[in-house]
N, C-alpha and C. Protein backbone atom coordinates (compact mmCIF):
# COMPACT_ATOMS: atom_id res chain seq x y z
N MET A 1 -9.79 20.82 32.89
CA MET A 1 -9.16 21.07 31.29
C MET A 1 -9.76 22.45 31.11
N LYS A 2 -8.92 23.26 30.64
CA LYS A 2 -9.81 24.41 30.02
C LYS A 2 -9.96 24.21 28.83
N LYS A 3 -11.14 24.89 28.17
CA LYS A 3 -11.55 24.91 26.83
C LYS A 3 -10.41 25.42 25.84
N VAL A 4 -10.05 24.63 24.64
CA VAL A 4 -9.20 25.16 23.73
C VAL A 4 -9.74 25.05 22.33
N PRO A 5 -9.79 26.60 22.11
CA PRO A 5 -10.77 26.61 20.87
C PRO A 5 -9.89 26.32 19.45
N SER A 6 -10.29 25.83 18.42
CA SER A 6 -9.58 25.13 17.46
C SER A 6 -9.20 26.42 16.79
N ARG A 7 -7.70 26.13 16.41
CA ARG A 7 -6.96 26.94 15.97
C ARG A 7 -5.87 26.55 14.99
N ALA A 8 -5.11 27.37 14.21
CA ALA A 8 -3.87 27.29 13.60
C ALA A 8 -2.98 27.58 14.00
N THR A 9 -1.82 27.16 14.60
CA THR A 9 -0.71 27.94 14.93
C THR A 9 0.43 27.50 14.22
N LYS A 10 1.50 28.23 14.15
CA LYS A 10 2.95 27.81 13.49
C LYS A 10 4.04 27.49 14.66
N LYS A 11 4.42 26.35 14.43
CA LYS A 11 5.40 25.55 15.22
C LYS A 11 6.41 24.83 14.44
N SER A 12 7.63 24.52 14.96
CA SER A 12 8.47 24.08 14.72
C SER A 12 8.28 22.60 14.22
N ALA A 13 8.69 21.80 13.42
CA ALA A 13 8.68 20.65 12.92
C ALA A 13 9.83 19.87 13.68
N LYS A 14 9.51 18.56 14.09
CA LYS A 14 10.72 18.00 14.79
C LYS A 14 11.88 17.80 13.78
N SER A 15 11.38 17.56 12.80
CA SER A 15 12.23 16.70 11.55
C SER A 15 13.09 18.05 10.75
N GLY A 16 13.29 19.21 11.23
CA GLY A 16 13.96 20.07 10.61
C GLY A 16 13.61 21.44 11.20
N THR A 17 14.05 22.78 10.58
CA THR A 17 13.68 24.11 10.89
C THR A 17 12.69 24.59 10.32
N ASN A 18 12.12 23.96 9.44
CA ASN A 18 10.99 24.59 8.78
C ASN A 18 9.90 24.54 9.38
N THR A 19 9.07 25.53 9.50
CA THR A 19 7.70 25.60 10.24
C THR A 19 6.53 24.82 9.46
N GLN A 20 5.41 24.54 10.25
CA GLN A 20 4.38 23.94 9.66
C GLN A 20 3.05 24.04 10.56
N THR A 21 2.02 24.38 9.74
CA THR A 21 0.87 24.57 10.70
C THR A 21 0.26 23.58 11.11
N VAL A 22 0.01 24.02 12.41
CA VAL A 22 -0.31 22.69 13.47
C VAL A 22 -1.81 23.37 14.20
N ARG A 23 -2.77 22.15 13.78
CA ARG A 23 -4.12 22.56 14.30
C ARG A 23 -4.29 21.96 15.50
N GLU A 24 -4.86 22.75 16.91
CA GLU A 24 -5.11 22.21 17.83
C GLU A 24 -6.39 22.59 18.37
N TYR A 25 -7.18 21.59 19.14
CA TYR A 25 -8.36 21.87 19.76
C TYR A 25 -8.68 20.54 20.89
N GLU A 26 -9.60 20.87 21.57
CA GLU A 26 -10.09 20.25 22.54
C GLU A 26 -11.43 19.35 22.35
N THR A 27 -11.43 17.95 22.73
CA THR A 27 -12.74 17.34 22.20
C THR A 27 -12.95 16.22 23.23
N VAL A 28 -13.74 15.30 22.99
CA VAL A 28 -14.26 14.20 24.05
C VAL A 28 -13.71 12.79 23.14
N LEU A 29 -13.39 11.86 23.60
CA LEU A 29 -13.30 10.41 23.14
C LEU A 29 -14.39 9.95 23.30
N LEU A 30 -14.69 9.53 22.17
CA LEU A 30 -15.98 8.66 21.57
C LEU A 30 -15.99 7.43 21.20
N PRO A 31 -16.84 6.42 21.51
CA PRO A 31 -16.87 5.28 20.88
C PRO A 31 -17.12 5.33 19.34
N SER A 32 -16.74 4.48 18.88
CA SER A 32 -16.94 4.37 17.10
C SER A 32 -17.79 4.19 16.75
N THR A 33 -18.47 4.71 15.73
CA THR A 33 -19.64 4.14 14.86
C THR A 33 -19.52 2.73 14.21
N SER A 34 -18.14 2.47 13.91
CA SER A 34 -17.56 1.09 13.08
C SER A 34 -17.05 0.14 13.86
N ASN A 35 -17.42 -0.86 13.25
CA ASN A 35 -16.92 -2.08 14.14
C ASN A 35 -15.35 -2.04 14.02
N ASN A 36 -14.81 -1.62 13.02
CA ASN A 36 -13.46 -1.71 12.98
C ASN A 36 -12.31 -0.75 13.75
N TYR A 37 -13.12 0.14 14.56
CA TYR A 37 -12.02 0.97 15.47
C TYR A 37 -12.98 0.96 16.88
N LEU A 38 -11.94 0.63 17.84
CA LEU A 38 -12.61 0.93 19.22
C LEU A 38 -12.87 1.99 19.86
N THR A 39 -12.33 3.28 19.80
CA THR A 39 -12.52 4.54 19.82
C THR A 39 -12.26 5.19 19.24
N LEU A 40 -12.48 6.62 18.99
CA LEU A 40 -11.76 7.67 18.18
C LEU A 40 -12.34 8.94 18.24
N VAL A 41 -11.44 10.10 18.03
CA VAL A 41 -11.44 11.40 18.25
C VAL A 41 -12.14 12.01 17.02
N HIS A 42 -12.79 12.93 16.99
CA HIS A 42 -13.48 13.76 15.60
C HIS A 42 -12.64 14.62 15.54
N VAL A 43 -12.63 14.99 14.15
CA VAL A 43 -11.73 16.05 13.96
C VAL A 43 -12.58 17.03 13.30
N PRO A 44 -12.41 18.38 13.77
CA PRO A 44 -13.37 19.16 13.67
C PRO A 44 -13.66 19.59 12.19
N PRO A 45 -14.68 19.79 11.45
CA PRO A 45 -14.77 19.86 10.00
C PRO A 45 -13.89 20.81 9.52
N GLU A 46 -13.66 22.12 10.21
CA GLU A 46 -12.99 23.24 9.71
C GLU A 46 -11.57 22.53 9.51
N ILE A 47 -10.95 21.83 10.38
CA ILE A 47 -9.76 21.58 10.20
C ILE A 47 -9.51 20.32 9.19
N ALA A 48 -10.54 19.52 9.39
CA ALA A 48 -10.53 18.30 8.35
C ALA A 48 -10.20 18.51 6.83
N GLU A 49 -11.13 19.80 6.87
CA GLU A 49 -11.24 20.34 5.35
C GLU A 49 -9.95 20.96 4.74
N VAL A 50 -9.02 21.46 5.96
CA VAL A 50 -8.06 22.33 5.64
C VAL A 50 -6.90 21.26 5.33
N PHE A 51 -6.84 19.94 6.01
CA PHE A 51 -5.85 18.93 5.40
C PHE A 51 -6.35 18.38 4.32
N LYS A 52 -7.69 17.93 4.09
CA LYS A 52 -8.16 17.32 2.95
C LYS A 52 -7.74 18.59 1.40
N SER A 53 -7.72 19.76 1.49
CA SER A 53 -7.53 20.43 0.70
C SER A 53 -6.17 20.51 0.42
N GLU A 54 -5.16 20.05 1.12
CA GLU A 54 -3.66 20.24 1.06
C GLU A 54 -3.51 18.61 0.59
N GLY A 55 -4.40 17.96 0.31
CA GLY A 55 -4.02 16.46 -0.01
C GLY A 55 -3.56 15.58 1.10
N VAL A 56 -3.40 16.00 2.43
CA VAL A 56 -3.08 15.36 3.57
C VAL A 56 -3.83 14.25 4.10
N LYS A 57 -3.45 13.01 4.16
CA LYS A 57 -4.31 11.76 4.55
C LYS A 57 -3.79 11.24 5.79
N ARG A 58 -2.52 11.67 6.19
CA ARG A 58 -1.61 10.78 7.65
C ARG A 58 -1.11 11.99 8.23
N VAL A 59 -1.32 11.71 9.67
CA VAL A 59 -0.98 13.12 10.43
C VAL A 59 -0.11 12.35 11.21
N VAL A 60 0.30 13.64 12.16
CA VAL A 60 1.05 13.08 13.61
C VAL A 60 -0.11 13.83 14.42
N ALA A 61 -0.32 13.00 15.45
CA ALA A 61 -1.44 13.60 16.12
C ALA A 61 -0.61 13.36 17.64
N CYS A 62 -0.53 14.21 18.42
CA CYS A 62 -0.37 14.54 19.84
C CYS A 62 -1.45 14.78 20.77
N LEU A 63 -1.89 13.89 21.64
CA LEU A 63 -3.02 13.87 22.67
C LEU A 63 -2.23 14.30 24.01
N THR A 64 -3.02 14.93 24.80
CA THR A 64 -2.83 15.46 25.93
C THR A 64 -4.11 15.12 26.83
N SER A 65 -4.14 14.24 27.83
CA SER A 65 -4.89 14.29 28.94
C SER A 65 -4.42 14.86 30.49
N ASP A 66 -5.11 14.47 31.45
CA ASP A 66 -4.50 15.26 32.72
C ASP A 66 -3.35 14.51 33.25
N ILE A 67 -3.05 13.29 32.64
CA ILE A 67 -1.95 12.59 33.37
C ILE A 67 -1.09 12.48 32.55
N GLY A 68 -1.13 12.85 31.28
CA GLY A 68 0.15 12.72 30.38
C GLY A 68 0.03 13.15 28.89
N GLU A 69 0.83 13.02 27.87
CA GLU A 69 0.90 13.50 26.43
C GLU A 69 1.30 11.69 25.81
N HIS A 70 0.58 12.07 24.46
CA HIS A 70 1.35 11.02 23.76
C HIS A 70 1.35 11.30 22.12
N GLU A 71 2.25 10.85 21.50
CA GLU A 71 2.34 11.33 20.25
C GLU A 71 2.46 10.31 19.23
N TYR A 72 1.86 10.12 17.91
CA TYR A 72 1.99 9.06 17.06
C TYR A 72 1.41 9.47 15.68
N GLN A 73 1.81 8.58 14.52
CA GLN A 73 1.46 8.78 13.16
C GLN A 73 0.16 7.75 13.04
N CYS A 74 -0.91 8.47 12.47
CA CYS A 74 -2.34 7.93 12.16
C CYS A 74 -2.79 8.57 11.17
N GLY A 75 -3.88 7.76 10.44
CA GLY A 75 -4.33 8.20 9.47
C GLY A 75 -5.70 9.04 9.59
N LEU A 76 -6.23 9.96 8.50
CA LEU A 76 -7.57 10.52 8.69
C LEU A 76 -8.50 9.84 8.22
N LEU A 77 -9.67 9.39 8.97
CA LEU A 77 -10.43 8.78 8.67
C LEU A 77 -12.03 8.97 8.61
N SER A 78 -12.59 8.48 7.42
CA SER A 78 -14.11 8.78 7.18
C SER A 78 -14.66 7.89 8.14
N VAL A 79 -15.44 8.60 8.85
CA VAL A 79 -16.20 7.92 9.91
C VAL A 79 -17.88 8.11 9.97
N GLY A 80 -18.09 8.44 8.60
CA GLY A 80 -19.61 8.41 8.25
C GLY A 80 -20.57 9.90 8.37
N SER A 81 -21.22 10.08 7.18
CA SER A 81 -21.53 11.39 7.68
C SER A 81 -21.14 12.59 7.00
N GLY A 82 -19.67 12.64 6.38
CA GLY A 82 -18.68 13.45 6.04
C GLY A 82 -18.10 13.81 7.25
N ASN A 83 -17.82 12.88 8.49
CA ASN A 83 -17.15 13.35 9.59
C ASN A 83 -15.59 12.67 9.50
N THR A 84 -14.77 13.19 10.13
CA THR A 84 -13.50 12.63 9.89
C THR A 84 -12.84 12.51 11.60
N GLY A 85 -12.01 11.24 11.89
CA GLY A 85 -11.65 11.27 12.90
C GLY A 85 -10.30 10.73 13.17
N ILE A 86 -9.63 10.30 13.94
CA ILE A 86 -8.46 9.43 14.48
C ILE A 86 -8.84 8.31 14.96
N MET A 87 -8.23 7.31 15.04
CA MET A 87 -8.42 6.21 15.70
C MET A 87 -7.46 5.77 17.00
N ILE A 88 -8.01 5.73 17.91
CA ILE A 88 -6.89 5.76 19.12
C ILE A 88 -6.93 4.38 19.82
N ASN A 89 -5.82 3.54 19.88
CA ASN A 89 -6.08 2.04 20.43
C ASN A 89 -5.87 2.08 22.05
N LYS A 90 -5.61 0.83 22.64
CA LYS A 90 -6.15 0.70 23.87
C LYS A 90 -4.87 1.23 24.53
N THR A 91 -3.53 0.89 24.04
CA THR A 91 -2.16 1.21 24.73
C THR A 91 -2.30 2.73 24.98
N ILE A 92 -2.86 3.18 23.95
CA ILE A 92 -2.77 4.87 24.06
C ILE A 92 -3.58 5.20 25.02
N ARG A 93 -4.71 4.65 25.19
CA ARG A 93 -5.86 5.11 26.08
C ARG A 93 -5.35 4.96 27.50
N THR A 94 -4.79 3.59 27.43
CA THR A 94 -4.15 3.10 28.85
C THR A 94 -3.12 4.33 29.67
N LYS A 95 -2.24 4.56 28.76
CA LYS A 95 -1.09 5.34 29.15
C LYS A 95 -1.83 6.77 29.42
N LEU A 96 -2.84 7.16 28.33
CA LEU A 96 -3.32 8.59 29.01
C LEU A 96 -4.30 8.30 30.10
N GLY A 97 -4.76 7.51 30.55
CA GLY A 97 -6.03 7.24 31.34
C GLY A 97 -7.06 7.74 30.81
N ILE A 98 -7.47 7.56 29.69
CA ILE A 98 -8.68 8.18 29.35
C ILE A 98 -9.57 6.96 28.79
N PHE A 99 -10.78 7.21 28.73
CA PHE A 99 -12.02 6.58 28.22
C PHE A 99 -12.95 7.18 27.61
N GLU A 100 -14.14 6.71 27.24
CA GLU A 100 -15.14 7.13 26.24
C GLU A 100 -15.79 8.23 27.32
N GLY A 101 -15.88 9.43 26.85
CA GLY A 101 -15.88 10.74 27.13
C GLY A 101 -15.42 11.52 28.31
N THR A 102 -13.93 11.23 27.80
CA THR A 102 -12.68 11.91 28.62
C THR A 102 -12.24 13.08 27.82
N ARG A 103 -12.13 14.26 28.30
CA ARG A 103 -11.86 15.41 27.48
C ARG A 103 -10.26 15.27 27.36
N LEU A 104 -9.89 15.64 26.22
CA LEU A 104 -8.43 15.99 25.93
C LEU A 104 -8.43 16.47 24.65
N ARG A 105 -6.84 17.47 24.78
CA ARG A 105 -6.54 18.19 23.74
C ARG A 105 -6.02 17.22 22.46
N VAL A 106 -5.67 17.76 21.33
CA VAL A 106 -5.34 17.27 20.42
C VAL A 106 -4.87 18.30 19.57
N ARG A 107 -3.43 17.78 19.05
CA ARG A 107 -2.70 18.38 18.24
C ARG A 107 -2.33 17.99 16.96
N LEU A 108 -2.81 18.32 15.74
CA LEU A 108 -2.35 17.63 14.73
C LEU A 108 -1.62 18.31 13.49
N SER A 109 -0.74 17.74 12.90
CA SER A 109 0.15 18.36 11.87
C SER A 109 0.19 17.39 10.72
N LYS A 110 0.70 17.63 9.54
CA LYS A 110 0.92 16.85 8.60
C LYS A 110 2.17 15.97 8.77
N ASP A 111 1.90 14.35 8.41
CA ASP A 111 2.85 13.80 8.51
C ASP A 111 4.22 13.65 7.57
N GLU A 112 5.25 14.03 7.73
CA GLU A 112 6.15 14.26 6.44
C GLU A 112 6.96 13.38 6.54
N SER A 113 6.64 12.25 7.06
CA SER A 113 7.65 10.90 7.31
C SER A 113 7.71 10.43 5.98
N GLU A 114 8.37 9.70 5.49
CA GLU A 114 8.31 8.81 4.08
C GLU A 114 7.54 7.72 4.24
N TYR A 115 7.05 7.18 5.17
CA TYR A 115 6.13 5.71 5.38
C TYR A 115 4.98 5.92 6.04
N GLY A 116 4.87 7.02 6.91
CA GLY A 116 3.56 6.96 7.55
C GLY A 116 3.71 6.36 8.79
N LEU A 117 4.80 5.69 9.11
CA LEU A 117 5.37 5.03 10.43
C LEU A 117 6.99 4.93 10.39
N GLU A 118 7.12 4.55 11.60
CA GLU A 118 8.71 4.81 11.91
C GLU A 118 9.13 3.56 11.27
N MET A 119 10.15 3.66 10.49
CA MET A 119 10.74 2.04 9.94
C MET A 119 11.67 1.68 10.63
N PRO A 120 11.35 0.44 11.28
CA PRO A 120 12.17 -0.32 12.56
C PRO A 120 13.54 -0.24 11.93
N GLU A 121 14.76 -0.25 12.48
CA GLU A 121 16.18 -0.01 12.12
C GLU A 121 16.29 -1.83 11.40
N GLU A 122 15.90 -2.56 12.03
CA GLU A 122 16.22 -3.99 11.62
C GLU A 122 15.56 -4.01 10.02
N LEU A 123 14.30 -3.62 9.98
CA LEU A 123 13.85 -3.82 8.66
C LEU A 123 14.44 -3.06 7.19
N ALA A 124 15.28 -1.77 7.89
CA ALA A 124 15.72 -0.99 6.87
C ALA A 124 16.94 -1.61 6.80
N GLU A 125 17.50 -1.95 7.70
CA GLU A 125 18.91 -2.80 7.53
C GLU A 125 18.92 -4.02 6.54
N LEU A 126 18.04 -4.74 6.50
CA LEU A 126 17.81 -6.11 5.74
C LEU A 126 17.73 -5.53 4.39
N MET A 127 16.75 -4.51 4.24
CA MET A 127 16.79 -4.14 2.94
C MET A 127 17.97 -3.52 2.12
N ARG A 128 18.82 -2.91 3.03
CA ARG A 128 19.95 -2.46 2.50
C ARG A 128 21.04 -3.57 1.94
N GLN A 129 20.82 -4.89 2.55
CA GLN A 129 21.61 -5.64 2.51
C GLN A 129 21.00 -6.92 1.40
N ASP A 130 19.68 -6.48 0.93
CA ASP A 130 18.89 -7.24 -0.02
C ASP A 130 18.20 -6.27 -1.08
N GLU A 131 18.65 -6.32 -2.06
CA GLU A 131 18.38 -5.71 -3.04
C GLU A 131 17.08 -6.09 -3.75
N GLU A 132 16.85 -7.11 -3.84
CA GLU A 132 15.38 -7.98 -4.35
C GLU A 132 14.26 -7.58 -3.42
N GLY A 133 14.62 -7.77 -1.86
CA GLY A 133 13.73 -7.58 -1.02
C GLY A 133 13.39 -6.07 -0.98
N ASP A 134 14.27 -5.13 -1.18
CA ASP A 134 13.99 -3.94 -1.12
C ASP A 134 13.28 -3.31 -2.19
N ARG A 135 13.28 -4.06 -3.49
CA ARG A 135 12.43 -3.36 -4.64
C ARG A 135 11.03 -4.06 -4.44
N LEU A 136 11.05 -5.30 -3.74
CA LEU A 136 9.50 -5.83 -3.73
C LEU A 136 8.93 -5.20 -2.80
N PHE A 137 9.49 -4.52 -1.78
CA PHE A 137 8.85 -3.68 -0.66
C PHE A 137 8.54 -2.24 -0.92
N HIS A 138 9.57 -1.74 -1.90
CA HIS A 138 9.11 -0.57 -2.21
C HIS A 138 7.94 -0.48 -3.52
N ALA A 139 7.78 -1.69 -4.05
CA ALA A 139 6.89 -1.61 -5.14
C ALA A 139 5.27 -1.72 -4.86
N LEU A 140 5.35 -2.09 -3.41
CA LEU A 140 4.05 -2.03 -2.80
C LEU A 140 3.46 -0.88 -2.80
N THR A 141 2.00 -1.08 -2.32
CA THR A 141 1.37 0.54 -2.24
C THR A 141 1.72 1.07 -0.50
N ASP A 142 1.45 2.27 -0.46
CA ASP A 142 1.72 2.69 0.86
C ASP A 142 1.33 2.24 1.93
N GLY A 143 0.07 1.75 1.63
CA GLY A 143 -0.94 1.00 2.91
C GLY A 143 -0.23 -0.11 3.29
N LYS A 144 0.13 -1.15 2.06
CA LYS A 144 0.93 -2.44 2.48
C LYS A 144 2.18 -2.13 3.08
N ARG A 145 3.14 -1.33 2.64
CA ARG A 145 4.03 -1.11 3.18
C ARG A 145 4.07 -0.60 4.69
N ARG A 146 3.32 0.21 5.21
CA ARG A 146 2.87 0.56 6.38
C ARG A 146 2.36 -0.80 7.11
N SER A 147 1.54 -1.67 6.66
CA SER A 147 1.10 -2.69 7.54
C SER A 147 2.43 -3.78 7.47
N LEU A 148 3.54 -3.90 6.51
CA LEU A 148 4.59 -4.74 7.04
C LEU A 148 5.38 -3.98 7.76
N ILE A 149 5.55 -2.91 7.78
CA ILE A 149 6.35 -2.03 8.72
C ILE A 149 5.81 -2.30 10.60
N TYR A 150 4.44 -2.23 10.44
CA TYR A 150 4.04 -2.42 11.64
C TYR A 150 3.83 -3.75 12.27
N VAL A 151 4.07 -4.63 11.32
CA VAL A 151 4.08 -6.35 11.61
C VAL A 151 5.60 -6.49 12.11
N VAL A 152 6.62 -5.71 11.66
CA VAL A 152 8.00 -5.91 12.29
C VAL A 152 8.25 -5.34 13.50
N SER A 153 7.55 -4.01 13.73
CA SER A 153 7.76 -2.98 14.65
C SER A 153 6.77 -2.94 15.87
N SER A 154 5.84 -4.32 15.97
CA SER A 154 4.83 -4.30 16.93
C SER A 154 5.38 -5.24 18.02
N VAL A 155 6.74 -5.65 17.88
CA VAL A 155 7.45 -6.33 19.07
C VAL A 155 8.38 -5.66 19.66
N LYS A 156 8.61 -5.67 20.70
CA LYS A 156 9.62 -4.92 21.69
C LYS A 156 10.95 -5.26 21.62
N ASN A 157 11.21 -6.62 21.46
CA ASN A 157 12.69 -7.13 21.27
C ASN A 157 13.13 -7.28 20.02
N SER A 158 14.53 -6.50 19.82
CA SER A 158 15.19 -6.46 18.76
C SER A 158 15.54 -7.74 17.79
N GLU A 159 15.85 -8.83 18.74
CA GLU A 159 16.02 -9.89 17.93
C GLU A 159 14.65 -10.42 17.30
N ARG A 160 13.37 -10.27 17.95
CA ARG A 160 12.18 -10.64 17.21
C ARG A 160 11.98 -10.12 16.15
N ARG A 161 12.56 -8.80 16.22
CA ARG A 161 12.13 -7.80 15.13
C ARG A 161 12.94 -8.10 13.94
N ILE A 162 14.18 -8.57 14.16
CA ILE A 162 15.03 -9.02 13.01
C ILE A 162 14.39 -10.10 12.23
N GLU A 163 13.69 -11.12 13.21
CA GLU A 163 13.35 -12.40 12.65
C GLU A 163 12.01 -12.35 11.75
N ARG A 164 11.40 -11.24 12.53
CA ARG A 164 9.97 -10.66 11.72
C ARG A 164 10.28 -10.08 10.36
N ALA A 165 11.31 -9.42 10.29
CA ALA A 165 11.96 -8.58 8.94
C ALA A 165 12.29 -9.53 8.11
N ILE A 166 13.26 -10.42 8.60
CA ILE A 166 13.30 -11.74 7.62
C ILE A 166 12.37 -12.57 6.74
N ARG A 167 11.14 -12.63 7.91
CA ARG A 167 9.97 -13.53 7.59
C ARG A 167 9.09 -12.77 6.50
N VAL A 168 9.11 -11.36 6.76
CA VAL A 168 8.40 -10.18 5.76
C VAL A 168 9.01 -10.17 4.17
N ILE A 169 10.33 -10.49 4.22
CA ILE A 169 10.88 -9.99 3.28
C ILE A 169 11.18 -11.48 2.51
N GLU A 170 11.04 -12.43 2.93
CA GLU A 170 11.06 -14.20 2.68
C GLU A 170 9.89 -14.10 1.96
N HIS A 171 8.85 -13.71 2.50
CA HIS A 171 7.33 -13.75 2.07
C HIS A 171 6.90 -13.43 0.82
N LEU A 172 7.67 -12.11 0.69
CA LEU A 172 7.44 -10.90 -0.36
C LEU A 172 8.16 -11.68 -1.53
N LYS A 173 9.28 -12.26 -1.42
CA LYS A 173 9.95 -13.20 -2.49
C LYS A 173 9.19 -14.38 -2.82
N GLU A 174 9.06 -15.20 -1.88
CA GLU A 174 7.91 -16.43 -2.13
C GLU A 174 6.57 -16.04 -2.91
N HIS A 175 6.01 -14.71 -2.80
CA HIS A 175 4.96 -14.46 -3.21
C HIS A 175 4.70 -13.27 -4.52
N GLY A 176 6.10 -13.36 -4.97
CA GLY A 176 6.32 -12.34 -6.06
C GLY A 176 5.89 -11.03 -5.85
N GLY A 177 6.36 -10.52 -4.43
CA GLY A 177 5.99 -9.24 -4.24
C GLY A 177 4.52 -8.72 -3.75
N LYS A 178 3.36 -9.91 -3.74
CA LYS A 178 2.31 -9.79 -3.08
C LYS A 178 2.23 -10.24 -1.74
N VAL A 179 1.16 -9.46 -1.07
CA VAL A 179 1.26 -10.01 0.20
C VAL A 179 -0.11 -10.58 0.78
N ASP A 180 0.23 -11.83 1.15
CA ASP A 180 -1.14 -12.67 1.47
C ASP A 180 -0.91 -12.61 3.06
N TYR A 181 -1.92 -11.89 3.61
CA TYR A 181 -1.93 -11.63 5.06
C TYR A 181 -2.09 -12.73 5.88
N LYS A 182 -3.35 -13.72 5.30
CA LYS A 182 -3.48 -14.67 6.17
C LYS A 182 -2.26 -15.76 6.34
N ARG A 183 -1.43 -15.74 5.14
CA ARG A 183 -0.34 -16.66 5.19
C ARG A 183 0.57 -16.25 6.18
N LEU A 184 0.81 -14.88 5.94
CA LEU A 184 1.99 -14.19 6.73
C LEU A 184 1.43 -14.63 8.29
N TYR A 185 0.47 -13.99 8.68
CA TYR A 185 0.16 -13.96 10.02
C TYR A 185 0.27 -15.37 10.50
N ASN A 186 -0.07 -16.28 9.89
CA ASN A 186 0.07 -18.05 10.11
C ASN A 186 1.22 -18.27 10.09
N ASP A 187 2.41 -17.81 8.96
CA ASP A 187 3.55 -17.83 9.62
C ASP A 187 4.41 -17.25 10.91
N LEU A 188 3.92 -16.28 11.12
CA LEU A 188 4.34 -15.53 12.44
C LEU A 188 3.84 -16.45 13.30
N LYS A 189 2.67 -16.59 13.52
CA LYS A 189 1.94 -17.37 14.69
C LYS A 189 2.58 -18.94 15.08
N VAL A 190 2.90 -19.67 13.86
CA VAL A 190 3.56 -21.10 13.84
C VAL A 190 4.64 -21.28 14.70
N SER A 191 5.37 -20.30 14.88
CA SER A 191 6.88 -20.18 15.65
C SER A 191 6.69 -19.48 16.63
N GLN A 192 6.78 -20.04 17.88
CA GLN A 192 6.77 -19.20 19.21
C GLN A 192 7.78 -18.08 19.31
N ARG A 193 8.72 -18.33 18.58
CA ARG A 193 9.55 -17.07 18.68
C ARG A 193 9.00 -16.00 18.18
N PHE A 194 8.38 -15.81 17.28
CA PHE A 194 7.71 -14.45 17.05
C PHE A 194 6.51 -14.14 17.97
N GLU A 195 6.34 -14.55 19.19
CA GLU A 195 5.15 -14.10 19.98
C GLU A 195 6.26 -13.24 20.64
N GLU A 196 5.30 -12.22 21.11
CA GLU A 196 5.83 -10.65 22.34
C GLU A 196 6.00 -11.30 23.50
């Protein structure tokens, strides 16, 4: 894989005709220094600083290895000693055939989406029909909204996403708009129908 220097280029954003600055660089997949993340990719300080100066906390990352490419939404994480990184889960690592020490190309751009994750159609439709559920969901912090979106979207089957969406909205109503993650995850595990 040829070394690609860190640079900023203009490319069309997927969502429209506007152009946005895209940062690209080549790096190595590293083990995390935190117990919370399995593996990560460091973001060069000069690129992290540009995003930070623009108030950007979430990005769309496109990772390219020798066998493929994967694009996903993620947060810019502080990983100690003033460094910044992005997390890479096992599913992405397997798809790209990468492991600690593998070189890969990284392309980062500001995440322009409303939630920082793709809203599952099932949850969006439920909120269109449930005014109180919609109000409670949108009163949550950005991070809590993302975590509930992930809860719903993390199953492949549409019927199960519908069931999870219903359970999430019921949970918000039962708890006055607050999220009790332990109770919510317990409710999801109790029923066999929520298993992937």
